[in-house]
């Protein structure tokens, strides 16, 4: 059914109702995720770190490596990471 304004009211209504259902489902899922984080916190886990791990697991290995490399570069530039703090330091014997 097309209204005088050229809008198919039934189709539009169906889209809106589907979006509303998905929004409600999204809220339920978000609440479930919040509950899981709360449960983990209650068992002594650091929720901030868990969120970081979930974020890292979404990335491809090369994306994580690139991000870590840039982070190390910035930390070195700011003097927040010395040579002894470098993750690769000490992995090879020194020549001498």
Protein backbone atom coordinates (compact mmCIF):
# COMPACT_ATOMS: atom_id res chain seq x y z
CA UNK A 1 0.00 0.00 0.00
CA UNK A 2 1.42 3.35 -1.05
CA UNK A 3 0.24 6.51 0.66
CA UNK A 4 -0.18 9.82 -1.19
CA UNK A 5 3.36 10.86 -0.21
CA UNK A 6 4.80 7.88 -2.12
CA UNK A 7 5.69 5.96 1.03
CA UNK A 8 4.78 2.29 1.36
CA UNK A 9 3.39 2.50 4.90
CA UNK A 10 3.19 -1.25 5.50
CA UNK A 11 6.75 -1.82 4.38
CA UNK A 12 8.00 1.14 6.40
CA UNK A 13 6.16 -0.10 9.49
CA UNK A 14 7.69 -3.57 9.02
CA UNK A 15 11.20 -2.09 8.86
CA UNK A 16 10.62 -0.01 11.97
CA UNK A 17 9.21 -2.98 13.90
CA UNK A 18 12.16 -5.19 12.91
CA UNK A 19 14.61 -2.50 14.02
CA UNK A 20 12.78 -2.13 17.32
CA UNK A 21 12.94 -5.89 17.93
CA UNK A 22 16.66 -5.95 17.17
CA UNK A 23 17.26 -2.99 19.47
CA UNK A 24 15.51 -4.84 22.29
CA UNK A 25 17.54 -8.00 21.59
CA UNK A 26 20.71 -5.90 21.59
CA UNK A 27 19.81 -4.50 25.02
CA UNK A 28 19.19 -8.01 26.39
CA UNK A 29 22.54 -9.21 25.03
CA UNK A 30 24.34 -6.15 26.43
CA UNK A 31 22.81 -6.89 29.84
CA UNK A 32 23.95 -10.52 29.58
CA UNK A 33 27.50 -9.41 28.75
CA UNK A 34 27.46 -7.02 31.70
CA UNK A 35 26.37 -9.90 33.95
CA UNK A 36 29.25 -12.09 32.72
CA UNK A 37 31.77 -9.32 33.44
CA UNK A 38 30.21 -8.91 36.89
CA UNK A 39 30.53 -12.64 37.53
CA UNK A 40 34.16 -12.59 36.40
CA UNK A 41 34.85 -9.62 38.70
CA UNK A 42 33.24 -11.51 41.56
CA UNK A 43 35.70 -14.33 40.91
CA UNK A 44 38.66 -11.98 41.16
CA UNK A 45 39.30 -11.21 37.50
CA UNK A 46 40.22 -7.70 36.34
CA UNK A 47 37.33 -6.63 34.10
CA UNK A 48 39.38 -3.91 32.38
CA UNK A 49 41.92 -6.53 31.29
CA UNK A 50 39.18 -8.93 30.18
CA UNK A 51 37.72 -6.19 27.98
CA UNK A 52 41.17 -5.55 26.49
CA UNK A 53 41.61 -9.27 25.75
CA UNK A 54 38.21 -9.43 24.04
CA UNK A 55 39.21 -6.40 21.96
CA UNK A 56 42.57 -7.95 21.04
CA UNK A 57 40.98 -11.25 20.02
CA UNK A 58 38.87 -9.40 17.45
CA UNK A 59 42.01 -8.26 15.64
CA UNK A 60 44.18 -10.15 13.21
CA UNK A 61 47.69 -11.04 14.48
CA UNK A 62 49.36 -8.55 12.11
CA UNK A 63 47.05 -5.78 13.36
CA UNK A 64 47.97 -6.54 16.98
CA UNK A 65 51.69 -6.63 16.15
CA UNK A 66 51.50 -3.31 14.33
CA UNK A 67 49.61 -1.73 17.24
CA UNK A 68 52.17 -3.06 19.77
CA UNK A 69 55.06 -1.78 17.65
CA UNK A 70 53.59 1.71 17.44
CA UNK A 71 52.80 1.65 21.18
CA UNK A 72 56.41 0.68 21.99
CA UNK A 73 57.68 3.43 19.69
CA UNK A 74 55.54 6.04 21.44
CA UNK A 75 56.46 4.78 24.92
CA UNK A 76 60.17 4.95 24.04
CA UNK A 77 59.74 8.46 22.63
CA UNK A 78 58.09 9.57 25.87
CA UNK A 79 60.77 7.95 28.01
CA UNK A 80 58.23 5.57 29.52
CA UNK A 81 59.93 2.41 28.25
CA UNK A 82 63.67 1.92 28.62
CA UNK A 83 65.91 -0.60 26.89
CA UNK A 84 65.52 -3.03 29.80
CA UNK A 85 61.74 -2.86 29.40
CA UNK A 86 61.81 -3.81 25.72
CA UNK A 87 59.90 -7.10 25.30
CA UNK A 88 62.56 -8.39 22.87
CA UNK A 89 65.51 -7.36 25.05
CA UNK A 90 67.55 -10.15 26.50
CA UNK A 91 66.26 -12.75 24.09
CA UNK A 92 69.59 -12.92 22.26
CA UNK A 93 73.00 -13.25 23.91
CA UNK A 94 75.14 -10.14 23.81
CA UNK A 95 78.22 -10.18 21.61
CA UNK A 96 81.31 -9.47 23.46
